[in-house]
Amino acid sequence: MNKFSFQSLVNFNVRKVFDWHKNTFALERLTPPWDLVNVSKRHYINSFPLINGGTIEIKQKIFPLINLKWKLIHQEYSEYKKFTDLMLRGPFKFWRHEHIFQGNNLETNIIDEIEYKAHLSNNLLNSFIKRKLNKSFEYRHKILNRDLNDKNFNQDDNKYVLIIGGSGLIGSHLIPLLNSLNYKIIQLKFSPNKSEELITNDFHKLIWNPYTNNFPKIPKDISDKIKFAINLSGENILGLATKSKKKLILESRLKSTHSLKNFLIKNKIKLECAIHASATGFYGDNSNIENDENSKKGEGFLSDTTEEWEYCQNKFTDIADRVINLRIGAVISRKGGFLKNILLPYNLKLGIGINSNNYISHISIEDLCRSISYLMKDSKIKGVVNAVSPSPIKLSDIFKQIKLIKKPIFNFNLPSKLIRKMSDEISKELIFSNQYILPCKLIESNFNFLHKTFSNSLSYEFGVDEK
């Protein structure tokens, strides 16, 4: 049997640290992006995570189209002292993870002890596993410390956040972050499957249909505590830009936003802030011009769609103290969106590049979600906010930086004119629009970007030192 141990000291009392681990999405928040882990199923006892007998199932991607499946059961739960995860099914012969908490009113020593037995055992494999574990637990303890010390940590245990469309790339990262920052969360999900509803002590997932007037009824003792709404709903813009696709992109955004307002009115919810996802597509192709929140509208389908969408969003001013139109750039995450699509050939060791000097305005998934929690707390910011990093990058340089990390065997560049001819309207706007966009409101309000450059974001996603 092999053993691995990791420990660190946290400057918070043991109750606060242990309670943090009881959050529904603690595992998602602690998991490094390079481990490519997704929770596929949960079963809790009496709706409380960690209680003995509860189980969790996860999928871990190791190669394209190849996933490792785990099923873990919670055991040996002792309040403010320990809990254990035992593997029932997974890639090891045996796996047992004991979480130990030793502390007082000032600080807590967190000890993670893992016993495991691989199907094949040799010194080289054991060294590899322990290096991977050490890297992952360094990240886990760093995230725990950072979130507990975050200035945006919610001190009011009774504040709820309503999230719409939270099952996509942004929502799947945002929900664990807000859960980590001590917010209780209600997610409205468009799904025909009623069994997808989930209720725990800090999370409610409710099924709704924005195309009807049959809204979920929120009990008054909870609706009075909903102070924030985050609207992430809308049809994915990726895909073939047919007339029906373009119509769905626009209508899904307008109808869900309109339906959300009616839901809030019906449940008599008055918000401190409504944050609506929007897009930097608003600026169109503004060649060689710096764009900030006051820049004019551009041309094209995405620009027109964004303008109409924001007009609908701004009707929330009568039910929210602040309304924010969050114009989001290219989101950098290996789990979806811009980066995932670019990486497809690189996963096959094909180093494709495009010779184009147009600027791409981007933001790491972590900084995007942190900016949302920041905007929730900063009562002075409202209106349009550019959610992009302070350092736009040329498209051609994106491929160069990816090659440094992925080290493809075969390298070749594609002429931009050829790709433009092969691309549909939306793809051209997404890939080739020259957008040098600055997040002036976030910079002026002293928001701390963890990943100021594209290179920073790549290093975070892959868990490597910057080149």
Protein backbone atom coordinates (compact mmCIF):
# COMPACT_ATOMS: atom_id res chain seq x y z
CA MET A 1 0.00 0.00 0.00
CA ASN A 2 1.31 3.44 -0.94
CA LYS A 3 0.83 6.55 1.18
CA PHE A 4 0.75 10.25 0.40
CA SER A 5 0.38 13.11 2.88
CA PHE A 6 0.03 16.87 2.47
CA GLN A 7 -0.65 19.54 5.09
CA SER A 8 -0.82 23.29 5.41
CA LEU A 9 -1.76 25.91 8.00
CA VAL A 10 -4.75 28.21 7.45
CA ASN A 11 -5.20 31.38 9.53
CA PHE A 12 -8.86 30.73 10.31
CA ASN A 13 -10.56 28.85 13.10
CA VAL A 14 -11.35 25.19 12.62
CA ARG A 15 -15.12 25.72 12.47
CA LYS A 16 -14.88 28.11 9.53
CA VAL A 17 -12.41 25.90 7.65
CA PHE A 18 -14.42 22.72 8.20
CA ASP A 19 -17.69 24.43 7.31
CA TRP A 20 -16.10 25.56 4.04
CA HIS A 21 -15.50 21.91 3.13
CA LYS A 22 -19.20 21.22 3.71
CA ASN A 23 -20.09 23.44 0.74
CA THR A 24 -21.93 21.54 -1.98
CA PHE A 25 -19.36 22.49 -4.63
CA ALA A 26 -16.18 22.33 -2.54
CA LEU A 27 -14.75 19.53 -4.71
CA GLU A 28 -15.29 21.47 -7.95
CA ARG A 29 -13.70 24.56 -6.42
CA LEU A 30 -10.66 22.65 -5.16
CA THR A 31 -9.98 20.66 -8.33
CA PRO A 32 -7.17 22.08 -10.52
CA PRO A 33 -8.19 22.93 -14.10
CA TRP A 34 -5.50 20.63 -15.52
CA ASP A 35 -7.06 17.57 -13.81
CA LEU A 36 -10.10 17.93 -16.13
CA VAL A 37 -12.55 16.53 -13.56
CA ASN A 38 -16.35 16.86 -13.75
CA VAL A 39 -18.85 15.74 -11.14
CA SER A 40 -21.47 13.61 -12.89
CA LYS A 41 -23.72 12.58 -9.98
CA ARG A 42 -24.32 13.26 -6.31
CA HIS A 43 -26.28 11.41 -3.65
CA TYR A 44 -26.54 13.09 -0.27
CA ILE A 45 -27.98 11.93 3.01
CA ASN A 46 -30.62 14.41 4.25
CA SER A 47 -29.40 16.92 1.63
CA PHE A 48 -26.09 17.48 3.45
CA PRO A 49 -22.71 16.87 1.77
CA LEU A 50 -20.08 14.73 3.55
CA ILE A 51 -22.55 12.88 5.81
CA ASN A 52 -21.75 9.15 6.11
CA GLY A 53 -23.22 7.16 3.25
CA GLY A 54 -23.37 10.00 0.75
CA THR A 55 -21.73 9.32 -2.61
CA ILE A 56 -20.23 11.32 -5.44
CA GLU A 57 -19.37 10.22 -8.97
CA ILE A 58 -16.82 11.97 -11.14
CA LYS A 59 -15.34 11.70 -14.62
CA GLN A 60 -11.72 12.56 -15.28
CA LYS A 61 -10.56 13.11 -18.85
CA ILE A 62 -7.07 11.73 -19.51
CA PHE A 63 -7.01 11.52 -23.33
CA PRO A 64 -9.40 12.64 -26.07
CA LEU A 65 -12.55 10.52 -25.76
CA ILE A 66 -11.11 8.60 -22.76
CA ASN A 67 -12.49 9.26 -19.25
CA LEU A 68 -11.71 7.66 -15.91
CA LYS A 69 -14.83 7.11 -13.81
CA TRP A 70 -14.77 7.33 -10.02
CA LYS A 71 -17.40 6.65 -7.37
CA LEU A 72 -16.59 7.68 -3.80
CA ILE A 73 -18.50 7.22 -0.55
CA HIS A 74 -18.25 9.55 2.45
CA GLN A 75 -17.33 7.83 5.73
CA GLU A 76 -16.04 8.51 9.27
CA TYR A 77 -17.63 11.95 9.46
CA SER A 78 -16.76 13.73 12.70
CA GLU A 79 -17.84 17.38 12.91
CA TYR A 80 -14.86 19.78 12.88
CA LYS A 81 -12.41 16.88 13.07
CA LYS A 82 -12.38 14.67 9.96
CA PHE A 83 -14.15 12.91 7.12
CA THR A 84 -13.04 10.20 4.72
CA ASP A 85 -13.65 9.40 1.05
CA LEU A 86 -13.40 5.73 0.08
CA MET A 87 -13.30 4.68 -3.58
CA LEU A 88 -16.07 2.23 -4.45
CA ARG A 89 -15.26 2.19 -8.14
CA GLY A 90 -12.41 3.73 -10.06
CA PRO A 91 -8.97 3.43 -11.67
CA PHE A 92 -7.15 2.14 -8.55
CA LYS A 93 -7.31 -1.17 -6.73
CA PHE A 94 -7.74 0.81 -3.52
CA TRP A 95 -8.09 4.53 -2.70
CA ARG A 96 -8.85 6.09 0.66
CA HIS A 97 -8.58 9.84 1.33
CA GLU A 98 -8.74 11.05 4.94
CA HIS A 99 -9.32 14.78 5.55
CA ILE A 100 -8.09 15.78 9.04
CA PHE A 101 -8.62 19.16 10.72
CA GLN A 102 -6.59 20.18 13.77
CA GLY A 103 -7.07 23.68 15.08
CA ASN A 104 -8.31 26.26 17.53
CA ASN A 105 -9.99 29.66 17.42
CA LEU A 106 -7.11 31.22 15.48
CA GLU A 107 -5.75 28.71 12.97
CA THR A 108 -6.26 25.28 11.46
CA ASN A 109 -3.84 22.64 10.28
CA ILE A 110 -5.36 20.73 7.35
CA ILE A 111 -3.93 17.27 6.74
CA ASP A 112 -4.75 15.20 3.68
CA GLU A 113 -3.69 11.55 3.96
CA ILE A 114 -4.18 9.19 1.03
CA GLU A 115 -3.65 5.44 0.92
CA TYR A 116 -3.75 3.91 -2.55
CA LYS A 117 -2.82 0.82 -4.50
CA ALA A 118 -2.45 0.91 -8.27
CA HIS A 119 -3.20 -2.04 -10.56
CA LEU A 120 0.40 -1.89 -11.73
CA SER A 121 2.98 -1.00 -9.14
CA ASN A 122 6.53 0.12 -9.77
CA ASN A 123 8.75 2.91 -8.54
CA LEU A 124 8.41 4.99 -11.69
CA LEU A 125 4.59 4.91 -11.60
CA ASN A 126 4.46 5.61 -7.84
CA SER A 127 6.76 8.61 -8.26
CA PHE A 128 4.55 9.93 -11.07
CA ILE A 129 1.37 9.56 -8.97
CA LYS A 130 2.91 11.31 -5.98
CA ARG A 131 4.17 14.22 -8.12
CA LYS A 132 0.67 14.63 -9.56
CA LEU A 133 -0.89 14.49 -6.10
CA ASN A 134 1.56 16.99 -4.65
CA LYS A 135 0.90 19.45 -7.47
CA SER A 136 -2.88 19.07 -7.09
CA PHE A 137 -2.85 19.53 -3.32
CA GLU A 138 -0.63 22.57 -3.53
CA TYR A 139 -3.33 24.07 -5.74
CA ARG A 140 -6.17 22.92 -3.45
CA HIS A 141 -4.68 24.49 -0.34
CA LYS A 142 -3.82 27.67 -2.24
CA ILE A 143 -7.41 28.04 -3.46
CA LEU A 144 -8.80 27.44 0.03
CA ASN A 145 -6.55 30.12 1.51
CA ARG A 146 -7.32 32.59 -1.27
CA ASP A 147 -11.09 32.18 -1.07
CA LEU A 148 -11.24 32.41 2.72
CA ASN A 149 -9.17 35.60 2.53
CA ASP A 150 -11.10 37.05 -0.42
CA LYS A 151 -12.34 40.59 0.22
CA ASN A 152 -15.57 39.58 -1.51
CA PHE A 153 -16.26 36.76 0.95
CA ASN A 154 -19.92 37.06 1.89
CA GLN A 155 -20.33 37.77 5.62
CA ASP A 156 -24.12 37.59 5.49
CA ASP A 157 -25.12 33.91 5.70
CA ASN A 158 -28.64 34.69 4.48
CA LYS A 159 -27.84 36.19 1.08
CA TYR A 160 -28.94 34.21 -1.97
CA VAL A 161 -27.82 34.48 -5.58
CA LEU A 162 -30.15 33.53 -8.41
CA ILE A 163 -28.31 32.11 -11.45
CA ILE A 164 -29.97 31.49 -14.80
CA GLY A 165 -28.28 29.35 -17.42
CA GLY A 166 -25.61 28.15 -15.01
CA SER A 167 -24.93 24.77 -16.65
CA GLY A 168 -22.56 26.04 -19.33
CA LEU A 169 -18.86 26.86 -19.23
CA ILE A 170 -19.14 30.05 -17.17
CA GLY A 171 -21.84 28.85 -14.78
CA SER A 172 -20.05 25.59 -13.99
CA HIS A 173 -17.07 27.63 -12.73
CA LEU A 174 -19.03 30.51 -11.22
CA ILE A 175 -21.34 28.43 -9.02
CA PRO A 176 -18.47 26.72 -7.12
CA LEU A 177 -16.72 30.09 -6.68
CA LEU A 178 -19.80 31.83 -5.24
CA ASN A 179 -20.51 28.76 -3.10
CA SER A 180 -16.93 29.01 -1.83
CA LEU A 181 -17.48 32.69 -0.99
CA ASN A 182 -20.39 31.73 1.28
CA TYR A 183 -23.33 32.54 -0.97
CA LYS A 184 -26.41 30.35 -1.06
CA ILE A 185 -27.39 29.69 -4.66
CA ILE A 186 -30.62 29.09 -6.55
CA GLN A 187 -30.11 27.90 -10.12
CA LEU A 188 -32.91 28.06 -12.65
CA LYS A 189 -32.25 25.46 -15.33
CA PHE A 190 -34.15 24.97 -18.55
CA SER A 191 -34.72 21.20 -18.68
CA PRO A 192 -37.63 18.85 -19.43
CA ASN A 193 -36.31 16.43 -16.80
CA LYS A 194 -37.87 17.17 -13.41
CA SER A 195 -35.52 14.65 -11.75
CA GLU A 196 -32.62 17.05 -12.30
CA GLU A 197 -33.82 19.19 -9.39
CA LEU A 198 -31.34 19.18 -6.50
CA ILE A 199 -31.65 20.70 -3.06
CA THR A 200 -28.90 20.87 -0.44
CA ASN A 201 -28.30 23.15 2.53
CA ASP A 202 -26.72 25.83 0.30
CA PHE A 203 -27.91 25.09 -3.24
CA HIS A 204 -31.28 24.76 -4.96
CA LYS A 205 -31.53 23.72 -8.59
CA LEU A 206 -35.02 24.33 -9.96
CA ILE A 207 -36.36 23.51 -13.39
CA TRP A 208 -38.02 26.27 -15.39
CA ASN A 209 -39.15 26.96 -18.93
CA PRO A 210 -38.57 30.55 -20.08
CA TYR A 211 -40.95 30.00 -23.01
CA THR A 212 -43.97 29.62 -20.72
CA ASN A 213 -45.50 31.59 -17.86
CA ASN A 214 -45.33 28.67 -15.43
CA PHE A 215 -42.63 29.95 -13.09
CA PRO A 216 -41.30 28.15 -10.00
CA LYS A 217 -42.72 29.64 -6.81
CA ILE A 218 -40.04 30.60 -4.29
CA PRO A 219 -41.08 30.58 -0.60
CA LYS A 220 -41.19 34.13 0.78
CA ASP A 221 -38.62 33.41 3.50
CA ILE A 222 -36.14 32.63 0.70
CA SER A 223 -37.27 35.13 -1.97
CA ASP A 224 -36.74 37.98 0.52
CA LYS A 225 -33.07 36.90 0.73
CA ILE A 226 -32.37 36.83 -3.02
CA LYS A 227 -30.27 39.94 -3.58
CA PHE A 228 -28.45 39.14 -6.81
CA ALA A 229 -29.42 37.68 -10.18
CA ILE A 230 -26.84 36.53 -12.72
CA ASN A 231 -28.20 35.90 -16.19
CA LEU A 232 -26.01 33.56 -18.27
CA SER A 233 -28.75 32.11 -20.46
CA GLY A 234 -28.74 31.93 -24.23
CA GLU A 235 -28.09 29.60 -27.14
CA ASN A 236 -24.40 28.82 -27.74
CA ILE A 237 -23.11 31.05 -30.56
CA LEU A 238 -20.76 28.33 -31.83
CA GLY A 239 -22.11 26.26 -34.69
CA LEU A 240 -23.11 26.71 -38.31
CA ALA A 241 -24.62 30.18 -38.78
CA THR A 242 -27.84 29.19 -40.53
CA LYS A 243 -30.89 31.48 -40.48
CA SER A 244 -32.56 29.27 -37.87
CA LYS A 245 -29.40 29.22 -35.74
CA LYS A 246 -29.10 33.00 -35.81
CA LYS A 247 -32.77 33.37 -34.96
CA LEU A 248 -32.35 30.99 -32.01
CA ILE A 249 -29.27 32.87 -30.76
CA LEU A 250 -31.24 36.12 -30.57
CA GLU A 251 -34.61 34.79 -29.41
CA SER A 252 -33.14 32.58 -26.69
CA ARG A 253 -31.46 35.61 -25.14
CA LEU A 254 -34.42 37.95 -25.39
CA LYS A 255 -37.04 35.45 -24.21
CA SER A 256 -35.01 34.15 -21.26
CA THR A 257 -34.17 37.70 -20.14
CA HIS A 258 -37.80 38.80 -20.44
CA SER A 259 -38.95 35.64 -18.66
CA LEU A 260 -36.45 36.20 -15.86
CA LYS A 261 -37.86 39.64 -15.18
CA ASN A 262 -41.40 38.23 -15.02
CA PHE A 263 -40.19 35.51 -12.64
CA LEU A 264 -38.65 38.11 -10.33
CA ILE A 265 -41.81 40.25 -10.40
CA LYS A 266 -44.08 37.28 -9.71
CA ASN A 267 -41.96 36.26 -6.72
CA LYS A 268 -41.75 39.91 -5.53
CA ILE A 269 -37.96 39.90 -5.56
CA LYS A 270 -36.12 43.22 -5.34
CA LEU A 271 -32.44 42.94 -6.27
CA GLU A 272 -29.36 44.80 -5.16
CA CYS A 273 -27.78 43.96 -8.52
CA ALA A 274 -28.68 42.18 -11.77
CA ILE A 275 -25.67 41.06 -13.79
CA HIS A 276 -26.36 40.06 -17.39
CA ALA A 277 -23.87 38.29 -19.62
CA SER A 278 -23.30 40.27 -22.78
CA ALA A 279 -20.50 40.16 -25.35
CA THR A 280 -17.59 42.16 -26.74
CA GLY A 281 -19.10 41.36 -30.13
CA PHE A 282 -20.92 44.67 -29.56
CA TYR A 283 -17.81 46.54 -30.77
CA GLY A 284 -17.58 44.69 -34.08
CA ASP A 285 -14.39 45.00 -36.12
CA ASN A 286 -12.84 48.26 -34.94
CA SER A 287 -9.46 48.14 -36.66
CA ASN A 288 -6.56 49.54 -34.64
CA ILE A 289 -8.83 51.39 -32.21
CA GLU A 290 -8.76 50.98 -28.45
CA ASN A 291 -12.26 50.25 -27.17
CA ASP A 292 -13.55 50.92 -23.68
CA GLU A 293 -17.03 50.87 -22.18
CA ASN A 294 -17.91 54.15 -23.91
CA SER A 295 -16.92 53.05 -27.42
CA LYS A 296 -19.53 53.02 -30.16
CA LYS A 297 -21.35 50.01 -31.54
CA GLY A 298 -19.76 48.15 -34.45
CA GLU A 299 -21.35 46.31 -37.35
CA GLY A 300 -22.36 42.70 -37.89
CA PHE A 301 -24.72 40.07 -36.55
CA LEU A 302 -23.07 39.78 -33.12
CA SER A 303 -23.03 43.56 -32.69
CA ASP A 304 -26.71 43.88 -33.61
CA THR A 305 -27.66 40.95 -31.38
CA THR A 306 -25.78 42.37 -28.41
CA GLU A 307 -27.41 45.80 -28.80
CA GLU A 308 -30.90 44.31 -28.80
CA TRP A 309 -30.03 41.99 -25.91
CA GLU A 310 -28.70 44.83 -23.74
CA TYR A 311 -31.80 46.91 -24.46
CA CYS A 312 -33.84 44.08 -22.95
CA GLN A 313 -31.44 43.77 -20.00
CA ASN A 314 -31.74 47.45 -19.13
CA LYS A 315 -35.45 47.05 -18.44
CA PHE A 316 -34.42 45.58 -15.06
CA THR A 317 -33.78 49.04 -13.61
CA ASP A 318 -37.17 49.08 -11.89
CA ILE A 319 -36.49 45.84 -9.96
CA ALA A 320 -32.75 46.17 -9.32
CA ASP A 321 -30.68 48.91 -7.70
CA ARG A 322 -27.95 48.26 -10.26
CA VAL A 323 -27.94 46.64 -13.70
CA ILE A 324 -24.65 45.49 -15.24
CA ASN A 325 -24.15 44.53 -18.89
CA LEU A 326 -21.07 42.31 -18.70
CA ARG A 327 -19.43 42.34 -22.13
CA ILE A 328 -17.41 39.13 -22.04
CA GLY A 329 -14.44 38.48 -24.30
CA ALA A 330 -13.00 35.13 -25.39
CA VAL A 331 -13.12 32.95 -22.26
CA ILE A 332 -9.95 30.92 -21.70
CA SER A 333 -10.74 27.46 -20.36
CA ARG A 334 -9.80 23.96 -21.48
CA LYS A 335 -13.35 22.82 -20.70
CA GLY A 336 -15.07 24.81 -23.42
CA GLY A 337 -15.36 27.86 -25.62
CA PHE A 338 -12.55 29.55 -27.49
CA LEU A 339 -9.55 27.61 -26.13
CA LYS A 340 -11.10 24.14 -26.23
CA ASN A 341 -11.84 24.46 -29.96
CA ILE A 342 -8.36 25.74 -30.77
CA LEU A 343 -6.77 22.85 -28.84
CA LEU A 344 -8.52 20.09 -30.82
CA PRO A 345 -5.73 19.61 -33.42
CA TYR A 346 -3.03 20.14 -30.78
CA ASN A 347 -4.39 17.18 -28.80
CA LEU A 348 -3.47 15.13 -31.88
CA LYS A 349 0.00 16.72 -31.96
CA LEU A 350 -0.91 18.92 -34.94
CA GLY A 351 0.39 22.45 -34.45
CA ILE A 352 -1.93 24.53 -36.58
CA GLY A 353 -1.47 28.29 -36.73
CA ILE A 354 -3.22 31.17 -38.52
CA ASN A 355 -1.27 34.14 -39.86
CA SER A 356 -3.46 37.00 -38.73
CA ASN A 357 -2.57 40.12 -36.76
CA ASN A 358 -6.05 41.01 -35.51
CA TYR A 359 -6.35 41.42 -31.75
CA ILE A 360 -8.37 39.04 -29.57
CA SER A 361 -9.64 40.32 -26.21
CA HIS A 362 -9.76 37.46 -23.75
CA ILE A 363 -10.17 36.62 -20.06
CA SER A 364 -9.41 33.55 -17.96
CA ILE A 365 -12.42 31.68 -16.62
CA GLU A 366 -11.15 32.31 -13.08
CA ASP A 367 -10.79 36.07 -13.51
CA LEU A 368 -14.17 36.28 -15.24
CA CYS A 369 -15.95 34.60 -12.34
CA ARG A 370 -13.97 36.56 -9.76
CA SER A 371 -14.94 39.79 -11.56
CA ILE A 372 -18.61 38.81 -11.20
CA SER A 373 -18.26 38.32 -7.42
CA TYR A 374 -16.37 41.62 -7.29
CA LEU A 375 -19.12 43.48 -9.17
CA MET A 376 -21.74 42.03 -6.85
CA LYS A 377 -20.03 43.75 -3.90
CA ASP A 378 -18.93 47.05 -5.46
CA SER A 379 -22.08 49.16 -5.28
CA LYS A 380 -20.55 52.00 -7.31
CA ILE A 381 -20.28 50.08 -10.60
CA LYS A 382 -23.21 49.76 -12.97
CA GLY A 383 -23.97 49.77 -16.69
CA VAL A 384 -21.55 48.36 -19.25
CA VAL A 385 -18.47 46.54 -17.94
CA ASN A 386 -15.87 44.97 -20.22
CA ALA A 387 -14.93 41.54 -18.86
CA VAL A 388 -11.58 41.13 -20.59
CA SER A 389 -7.96 41.02 -19.45
CA PRO A 390 -5.89 44.24 -19.67
CA SER A 391 -3.68 42.69 -22.38
CA PRO A 392 -5.29 41.80 -25.74
CA ILE A 393 -3.24 39.46 -27.93
CA LYS A 394 -2.80 39.00 -31.67
CA LEU A 395 -4.42 35.86 -33.08
CA SER A 396 -1.12 34.65 -34.57
CA ASP A 397 0.56 34.96 -31.14
CA ILE A 398 -2.13 32.81 -29.52
CA PHE A 399 -1.03 29.84 -31.61
CA LYS A 400 2.64 30.52 -30.89
CA GLN A 401 2.03 30.43 -27.14
CA ILE A 402 -0.04 27.27 -27.32
CA LYS A 403 2.74 25.56 -29.28
CA LEU A 404 5.19 26.32 -26.47
CA ILE A 405 3.05 24.30 -24.07
CA LYS A 406 1.59 21.56 -26.26
CA LYS A 407 4.81 20.93 -28.26
CA PRO A 408 3.15 19.49 -31.40
CA ILE A 409 5.07 17.12 -33.68
CA PHE A 410 3.80 18.62 -36.93
CA ASN A 411 3.58 22.39 -37.40
CA PHE A 412 2.00 24.32 -40.23
CA ASN A 413 0.34 27.71 -40.71
CA LEU A 414 -2.91 28.31 -42.53
CA PRO A 415 -3.37 31.52 -44.53
CA SER A 416 -6.01 33.73 -42.97
CA LYS A 417 -7.62 34.47 -46.36
CA LEU A 418 -8.34 30.77 -46.84
CA ILE A 419 -9.87 30.42 -43.38
CA ARG A 420 -11.99 33.53 -43.90
CA LYS A 421 -13.41 32.11 -47.12
CA MET A 422 -14.23 28.81 -45.39
CA SER A 423 -15.82 30.46 -42.32
CA ASP A 424 -19.45 31.48 -41.91
CA GLU A 425 -20.57 34.94 -40.76
CA ILE A 426 -20.39 34.32 -37.01
CA SER A 427 -17.06 32.49 -37.17
CA LYS A 428 -15.52 35.40 -39.11
CA GLU A 429 -16.73 37.87 -36.49
CA LEU A 430 -15.47 35.73 -33.61
CA ILE A 431 -12.07 34.86 -35.04
CA PHE A 432 -11.06 37.72 -37.30
CA SER A 433 -12.65 40.87 -35.84
CA ASN A 434 -9.89 43.22 -34.72
CA GLN A 435 -10.85 43.99 -31.12
CA TYR A 436 -8.44 45.81 -28.83
CA ILE A 437 -10.73 46.15 -25.82
CA LEU A 438 -9.76 47.42 -22.39
CA PRO A 439 -11.55 46.71 -19.07
CA CYS A 440 -11.40 50.35 -17.92
CA LYS A 441 -14.08 50.10 -15.23
CA LEU A 442 -12.43 47.06 -13.60
CA ILE A 443 -9.00 48.69 -13.79
CA GLU A 444 -10.22 52.01 -12.36
CA SER A 445 -11.94 50.23 -9.47
CA ASN A 446 -8.69 48.32 -8.68
CA PHE A 447 -9.92 44.84 -9.53
CA ASN A 448 -6.98 42.45 -9.16
CA PHE A 449 -6.48 40.37 -12.30
CA LEU A 450 -4.74 37.08 -11.49
CA HIS A 451 -4.13 36.40 -15.18
CA LYS A 452 -3.32 39.65 -16.95
CA THR A 453 -1.99 38.04 -20.12
CA PHE A 454 -2.94 35.14 -22.37
CA SER A 455 0.24 33.41 -21.22
CA ASN A 456 -0.90 33.75 -17.58
CA SER A 457 -4.21 32.12 -18.47
CA LEU A 458 -2.57 29.23 -20.34
CA SER A 459 -0.22 28.56 -17.44
CA TYR A 460 -3.19 28.44 -15.07
CA GLU A 461 -5.13 26.03 -17.30
CA PHE A 462 -2.23 23.64 -17.87
CA GLY A 463 -0.55 23.98 -14.47
CA VAL A 464 2.83 24.86 -15.93
CA ASP A 465 5.39 27.58 -15.34
CA GLU A 466 5.25 30.45 -17.81
CA LYS A 467 7.55 30.24 -20.81
